[in-house]
PDB file of N, CA and C in Angstrom:
ATOM      1  N   MET A   1     118.976 122.150 136.568  1.00  0.00           N
ATOM      2  CA  MET A   1     118.884 122.887 135.329  1.00  0.00           C
ATOM      3  C   MET A   1     119.290 122.002 134.146  1.00  0.00           C
ATOM      4  N   GLY A   2     120.228 121.103 134.340  1.00  0.00           N
ATOM      5  CA  GLY A   2     120.652 120.205 133.277  1.00  0.00           C
ATOM      6  C   GLY A   2     119.529 119.320 132.780  1.00  0.00           C
ATOM      7  N   GLN A   3     118.687 118.851 133.710  1.00  0.00           N
ATOM      8  CA  GLN A   3     117.560 118.014 133.309  1.00  0.00           C
ATOM      9  C   GLN A   3     116.554 118.810 132.488  1.00  0.00           C
ATOM     10  N   GLU A   4     116.348 120.065 132.838  1.00  0.00           N
ATOM     11  CA  GLU A   4     115.404 120.907 132.102  1.00  0.00           C
ATOM     12  C   GLU A   4     115.882 121.129 130.668  1.00  0.00           C
ATOM     13  N   VAL A   5     117.176 121.332 130.503  1.00  0.00           N
ATOM     14  CA  VAL A   5     117.732 121.520 129.166  1.00  0.00           C
ATOM     15  C   VAL A   5     117.586 120.228 128.362  1.00  0.00           C
ATOM     16  N   GLY A   6     117.853 119.096 128.987  1.00  0.00           N
ATOM     17  CA  GLY A   6     117.703 117.806 128.317  1.00  0.00           C
ATOM     18  C   GLY A   6     116.265 117.558 127.897  1.00  0.00           C
ATOM     19  N   GLN A   7     115.336 117.871 128.777  1.00  0.00           N
ATOM     20  CA  GLN A   7     113.913 117.699 128.467  1.00  0.00           C
ATOM     21  C   GLN A   7     113.499 118.614 127.325  1.00  0.00           C
ATOM     22  N   ALA A   8     113.967 119.848 127.346  1.00  0.00           N
ATOM     23  CA  ALA A   8     113.656 120.792 126.268  1.00  0.00           C
ATOM     24  C   ALA A   8     114.216 120.274 124.946  1.00  0.00           C
ATOM     25  N   GLY A   9     115.406 119.706 124.972  1.00  0.00           N
ATOM     26  CA  GLY A   9     115.997 119.141 123.765  1.00  0.00           C
ATOM     27  C   GLY A   9     115.179 117.994 123.209  1.00  0.00           C
ATOM     28  N   ARG A  10     114.669 117.137 124.093  1.00  0.00           N
ATOM     29  CA  ARG A  10     113.837 116.021 123.642  1.00  0.00           C
ATOM     30  C   ARG A  10     112.537 116.529 123.018  1.00  0.00           C
ATOM     31  N   TYR A  11     111.928 117.529 123.640  1.00  0.00           N
ATOM     32  CA  TYR A  11     110.700 118.103 123.070  1.00  0.00           C
ATOM     33  C   TYR A  11     110.977 118.748 121.714  1.00  0.00           C
ATOM     34  N   LEU A  12     112.078 119.425 121.594  1.00  0.00           N
ATOM     35  CA  LEU A  12     112.449 120.060 120.335  1.00  0.00           C
ATOM     36  C   LEU A  12     112.684 119.011 119.253  1.00  0.00           C
ATOM     37  N   ALA A  13     113.398 117.953 119.576  1.00  0.00           N
ATOM     38  CA  ALA A  13     113.651 116.882 118.608  1.00  0.00           C
ATOM     39  C   ALA A  13     112.342 116.225 118.177  1.00  0.00           C
ATOM     40  N   GLN A  14     111.449 115.986 119.126  1.00  0.00           N
ATOM     41  CA  GLN A  14     110.155 115.394 118.795  1.00  0.00           C
ATOM     42  C   GLN A  14     109.365 116.322 117.881  1.00  0.00           C
ATOM     43  N   SER A  15     109.404 117.624 118.154  1.00  0.00           N
ATOM     44  CA  SER A  15     108.702 118.595 117.314  1.00  0.00           C
ATOM     45  C   SER A  15     109.242 118.578 115.891  1.00  0.00           C
ATOM     46  N   PHE A  16     110.559 118.541 115.740  1.00  0.00           N
ATOM     47  CA  PHE A  16     111.145 118.492 114.410  1.00  0.00           C
ATOM     48  C   PHE A  16     110.740 117.218 113.663  1.00  0.00           C
ATOM     49  N   ARG A  17     110.735 116.096 114.372  1.00  0.00           N
ATOM     50  CA  ARG A  17     110.325 114.850 113.728  1.00  0.00           C
ATOM     51  C   ARG A  17     108.885 114.938 113.248  1.00  0.00           C
ATOM     52  N   LEU A  18     108.018 115.507 114.067  1.00  0.00           N
ATOM     53  CA  LEU A  18     106.615 115.630 113.674  1.00  0.00           C
ATOM     54  C   LEU A  18     106.450 116.589 112.503  1.00  0.00           C
ATOM     55  N   MET A  19     107.247 117.655 112.451  1.00  0.00           N
ATOM     56  CA  MET A  19     107.152 118.621 111.355  1.00  0.00           C
ATOM     57  C   MET A  19     107.508 118.001 110.011  1.00  0.00           C
ATOM     58  N   VAL A  20     108.467 117.104 109.997  1.00  0.00           N
ATOM     59  CA  VAL A  20     108.873 116.493 108.738  1.00  0.00           C
ATOM     60  C   VAL A  20     108.176 115.168 108.487  1.00  0.00           C
ATOM     61  N   GLY A  21     107.302 114.766 109.378  1.00  0.00           N
ATOM     62  CA  GLY A  21     106.490 113.578 109.161  1.00  0.00           C
ATOM     63  C   GLY A  21     107.083 112.277 109.634  1.00  0.00           C
ATOM     64  N   VAL A  22     108.082 112.312 110.478  1.00  0.00           N
ATOM     65  CA  VAL A  22     108.655 111.089 111.022  1.00  0.00           C
ATOM     66  C   VAL A  22     107.893 110.743 112.302  1.00  0.00           C
ATOM     67  N   PRO A  23     107.202 109.628 112.339  1.00  0.00           N
ATOM     68  CA  PRO A  23     106.413 109.272 113.519  1.00  0.00           C
ATOM     69  C   PRO A  23     107.291 108.897 114.708  1.00  0.00           C
ATOM     70  N   ASP A  24     106.758 109.090 115.890  1.00  0.00           N
ATOM     71  CA  ASP A  24     107.494 108.796 117.124  1.00  0.00           C
ATOM     72  C   ASP A  24     107.032 107.451 117.679  1.00  0.00           C
ATOM     73  N   TYR A  25     107.777 106.415 117.369  1.00  0.00           N
ATOM     74  CA  TYR A  25     107.421 105.052 117.765  1.00  0.00           C
ATOM     75  C   TYR A  25     107.476 104.877 119.281  1.00  0.00           C
ATOM     76  N   GLY A  26     108.426 105.519 119.945  1.00  0.00           N
ATOM     77  CA  GLY A  26     108.530 105.411 121.397  1.00  0.00           C
ATOM     78  C   GLY A  26     107.284 105.916 122.109  1.00  0.00           C
ATOM     79  N   THR A  27     106.754 107.034 121.635  1.00  0.00           N
ATOM     80  CA  THR A  27     105.527 107.580 122.215  1.00  0.00           C
ATOM     81  C   THR A  27     104.358 106.633 121.976  1.00  0.00           C
ATOM     82  N   TYR A  28     104.311 106.059 120.788  1.00  0.00           N
ATOM     83  CA  TYR A  28     103.264 105.088 120.479  1.00  0.00           C
ATOM     84  C   TYR A  28     103.334 103.888 121.428  1.00  0.00           C
ATOM     85  N   LEU A  29     104.544 103.374 121.660  1.00  0.00           N
ATOM     86  CA  LEU A  29     104.697 102.224 122.560  1.00  0.00           C
ATOM     87  C   LEU A  29     104.256 102.568 123.981  1.00  0.00           C
ATOM     88  N   LYS A  30     104.610 103.747 124.462  1.00  0.00           N
ATOM     89  CA  LYS A  30     104.182 104.174 125.802  1.00  0.00           C
ATOM     90  C   LYS A  30     102.663 104.278 125.873  1.00  0.00           C
ATOM     91  N   HIS A  31     102.056 104.834 124.831  1.00  0.00           N
ATOM     92  CA  HIS A  31     100.599 104.961 124.786  1.00  0.00           C
ATOM     93  C   HIS A  31      99.940 103.586 124.823  1.00  0.00           C
ATOM     94  N   MET A  32     100.456 102.667 124.020  1.00  0.00           N
ATOM     95  CA  MET A  32      99.871 101.322 123.985  1.00  0.00           C
ATOM     96  C   MET A  32      99.996 100.627 125.339  1.00  0.00           C
ATOM     97  N   ALA A  33     101.137 100.764 125.979  1.00  0.00           N
ATOM     98  CA  ALA A  33     101.336 100.124 127.281  1.00  0.00           C
ATOM     99  C   ALA A  33     100.419 100.722 128.342  1.00  0.00           C
ATOM    100  N   ALA A  34     100.201 102.021 128.267  1.00  0.00           N
ATOM    101  CA  ALA A  34      99.399 102.700 129.286  1.00  0.00           C
ATOM    102  C   ALA A  34      97.898 102.536 129.071  1.00  0.00           C
ATOM    103  N   THR A  35      97.451 102.570 127.822  1.00  0.00           N
ATOM    104  CA  THR A  35      96.011 102.590 127.576  1.00  0.00           C
ATOM    105  C   THR A  35      95.445 101.326 126.945  1.00  0.00           C
ATOM    106  N   HIS A  36      96.297 100.510 126.345  1.00  0.00           N
ATOM    107  CA  HIS A  36      95.846  99.274 125.705  1.00  0.00           C
ATOM    108  C   HIS A  36      96.777  98.111 126.054  1.00  0.00           C
ATOM    109  N   PRO A  37      96.941  97.817 127.335  1.00  0.00           N
ATOM    110  CA  PRO A  37      97.899  96.771 127.722  1.00  0.00           C
ATOM    111  C   PRO A  37      97.517  95.379 127.214  1.00  0.00           C
ATOM    112  N   ASP A  38      96.254  95.186 126.853  1.00  0.00           N
ATOM    113  CA  ASP A  38      95.800  93.881 126.377  1.00  0.00           C
ATOM    114  C   ASP A  38      96.080  93.665 124.891  1.00  0.00           C
ATOM    115  N   GLN A  39      96.498  94.722 124.169  1.00  0.00           N
ATOM    116  CA  GLN A  39      96.764  94.622 122.737  1.00  0.00           C
ATOM    117  C   GLN A  39      98.267  94.652 122.462  1.00  0.00           C
ATOM    118  N   ALA A  40      98.689  93.867 121.504  1.00  0.00           N
ATOM    119  CA  ALA A  40     100.099  93.879 121.102  1.00  0.00           C
ATOM    120  C   ALA A  40     100.347  95.092 120.213  1.00  0.00           C
ATOM    121  N   PRO A  41     101.411  95.837 120.466  1.00  0.00           N
ATOM    122  CA  PRO A  41     101.694  96.998 119.611  1.00  0.00           C
ATOM    123  C   PRO A  41     102.189  96.547 118.241  1.00  0.00           C
ATOM    124  N   MET A  42     102.027  97.421 117.262  1.00  0.00           N
ATOM    125  CA  MET A  42     102.521  97.145 115.914  1.00  0.00           C
ATOM    126  C   MET A  42     104.045  97.140 115.918  1.00  0.00           C
ATOM    127  N   SER A  43     104.630  96.432 114.977  1.00  0.00           N
ATOM    128  CA  SER A  43     106.073  96.512 114.793  1.00  0.00           C
ATOM    129  C   SER A  43     106.401  97.910 114.273  1.00  0.00           C
ATOM    130  N   TYR A  44     107.686  98.284 114.340  1.00  0.00           N
ATOM    131  CA  TYR A  44     108.064  99.611 113.851  1.00  0.00           C
ATOM    132  C   TYR A  44     107.708  99.761 112.372  1.00  0.00           C
ATOM    133  N   GLU A  45     107.941  98.733 111.587  1.00  0.00           N
ATOM    134  CA  GLU A  45     107.650  98.802 110.157  1.00  0.00           C
ATOM    135  C   GLU A  45     106.160  99.003 109.902  1.00  0.00           C
ATOM    136  N   ASP A  46     105.314  98.250 110.610  1.00  0.00           N
ATOM    137  CA  ASP A  46     103.868  98.403 110.458  1.00  0.00           C
ATOM    138  C   ASP A  46     103.412  99.776 110.934  1.00  0.00           C
ATOM    139  N   PHE A  47     103.973 100.238 112.051  1.00  0.00           N
ATOM    140  CA  PHE A  47     103.634 101.553 112.581  1.00  0.00           C
ATOM    141  C   PHE A  47     103.998 102.643 111.579  1.00  0.00           C
ATOM    142  N   PHE A  48     105.209 102.577 111.027  1.00  0.00           N
ATOM    143  CA  PHE A  48     105.663 103.585 110.078  1.00  0.00           C
ATOM    144  C   PHE A  48     104.776 103.588 108.834  1.00  0.00           C
ATOM    145  N   ARG A  49     104.463 102.400 108.306  1.00  0.00           N
ATOM    146  CA  ARG A  49     103.607 102.284 107.131  1.00  0.00           C
ATOM    147  C   ARG A  49     102.218 102.858 107.404  1.00  0.00           C
ATOM    148  N   GLU A  50     101.666 102.564 108.573  1.00  0.00           N
ATOM    149  CA  GLU A  50     100.335 103.066 108.922  1.00  0.00           C
ATOM    150  C   GLU A  50     100.328 104.584 109.037  1.00  0.00           C
ATOM    151  N   ARG A  51     101.371 105.149 109.648  1.00  0.00           N
ATOM    152  CA  ARG A  51     101.468 106.606 109.787  1.00  0.00           C
ATOM    153  C   ARG A  51     101.650 107.280 108.432  1.00  0.00           C
ATOM    154  N   GLN A  52     102.441 106.670 107.546  1.00  0.00           N
ATOM    155  CA  GLN A  52     102.612 107.233 106.204  1.00  0.00           C
ATOM    156  C   GLN A  52     101.295 107.202 105.438  1.00  0.00           C
ATOM    157  N   GLN A  53     100.568 106.114 105.554  1.00  0.00           N
ATOM    158  CA  GLN A  53      99.280 106.011 104.885  1.00  0.00           C
ATOM    159  C   GLN A  53      98.301 107.040 105.434  1.00  0.00           C
ATOM    160  N   ALA A  54      98.295 107.232 106.747  1.00  0.00           N
ATOM    161  CA  ALA A  54      97.400 108.214 107.348  1.00  0.00           C
ATOM    162  C   ALA A  54      97.756 109.628 106.896  1.00  0.00           C
ATOM    163  N   ARG A  55      99.039 109.880 106.721  1.00  0.00           N
ATOM    164  CA  ARG A  55      99.465 111.232 106.339  1.00  0.00           C
ATOM    165  C   ARG A  55      99.267 111.507 104.857  1.00  0.00           C
ATOM    166  N   TYR A  56      99.632 110.558 104.008  1.00  0.00           N
ATOM    167  CA  TYR A  56      99.637 110.811 102.574  1.00  0.00           C
ATOM    168  C   TYR A  56      98.562 110.069 101.791  1.00  0.00           C
ATOM    169  N   GLY A  57      97.976 109.055 102.364  1.00  0.00           N
ATOM    170  CA  GLY A  57      97.032 108.226 101.628  1.00  0.00           C
ATOM    171  C   GLY A  57      95.693 108.866 101.350  1.00  0.00           C
ATOM    172  N   ALA A  58      95.287 109.834 102.119  1.00  0.00           N
ATOM    173  CA  ALA A  58      93.961 110.428 101.977  1.00  0.00           C
ATOM    174  C   ALA A  58      93.933 111.546 100.942  1.00  0.00           C
ATOM    175  N   ARG A  59      95.030 111.854 100.324  1.00  0.00           N
ATOM    176  CA  ARG A  59      95.060 112.945  99.351  1.00  0.00           C
ATOM    177  C   ARG A  59      94.593 112.448  97.982  1.00  0.00           C
ATOM    178  N   THR A  60      93.340 112.669  97.728  1.00  0.00           N
ATOM    179  CA  THR A  60      92.803 112.286  96.428  1.00  0.00           C
ATOM    180  C   THR A  60      92.335 113.547  95.713  1.00  0.00           C
ATOM    181  N   GLY A  61      92.669 113.644  94.450  1.00  0.00           N
ATOM    182  CA  GLY A  61      92.233 114.780  93.671  1.00  0.00           C
ATOM    183  C   GLY A  61      93.028 116.053  93.903  1.00  0.00           C
ATOM    184  N   ARG A  62      94.152 115.951  94.562  1.00  0.00           N
ATOM    185  CA  ARG A  62      94.970 117.129  94.815  1.00  0.00           C
ATOM    186  C   ARG A  62      96.373 116.874  94.289  1.00  0.00           C
ATOM    187  N   CYS A  63      96.984 117.899  93.783  1.00  0.00           N
ATOM    188  CA  CYS A  63      98.362 117.727  93.326  1.00  0.00           C
ATOM    189  C   CYS A  63      99.354 118.181  94.386  1.00  0.00           C
ATOM    190  N   CYS A  64      98.939 118.991  95.314  1.00  0.00           N
ATOM    191  CA  CYS A  64      99.876 119.538  96.322  1.00  0.00           C
ATOM    192  C   CYS A  64      99.298 119.442  97.722  1.00  0.00           C
TER     193      CYS A  64
END
């Protein structure tokens, strides 16, 4: 039961990070290792910048 509570806590923390727009670098690294082992993953700084651009960069002509 302790492991289930810990897992639920991790999912909850990840959900909160996604709600406020903080990208999950650990998940990205796991994805890259599993599906793109031949490619070098981005640094945390590059990853964060890319995620911010994807989230906020496409808003043109809108104030909110």
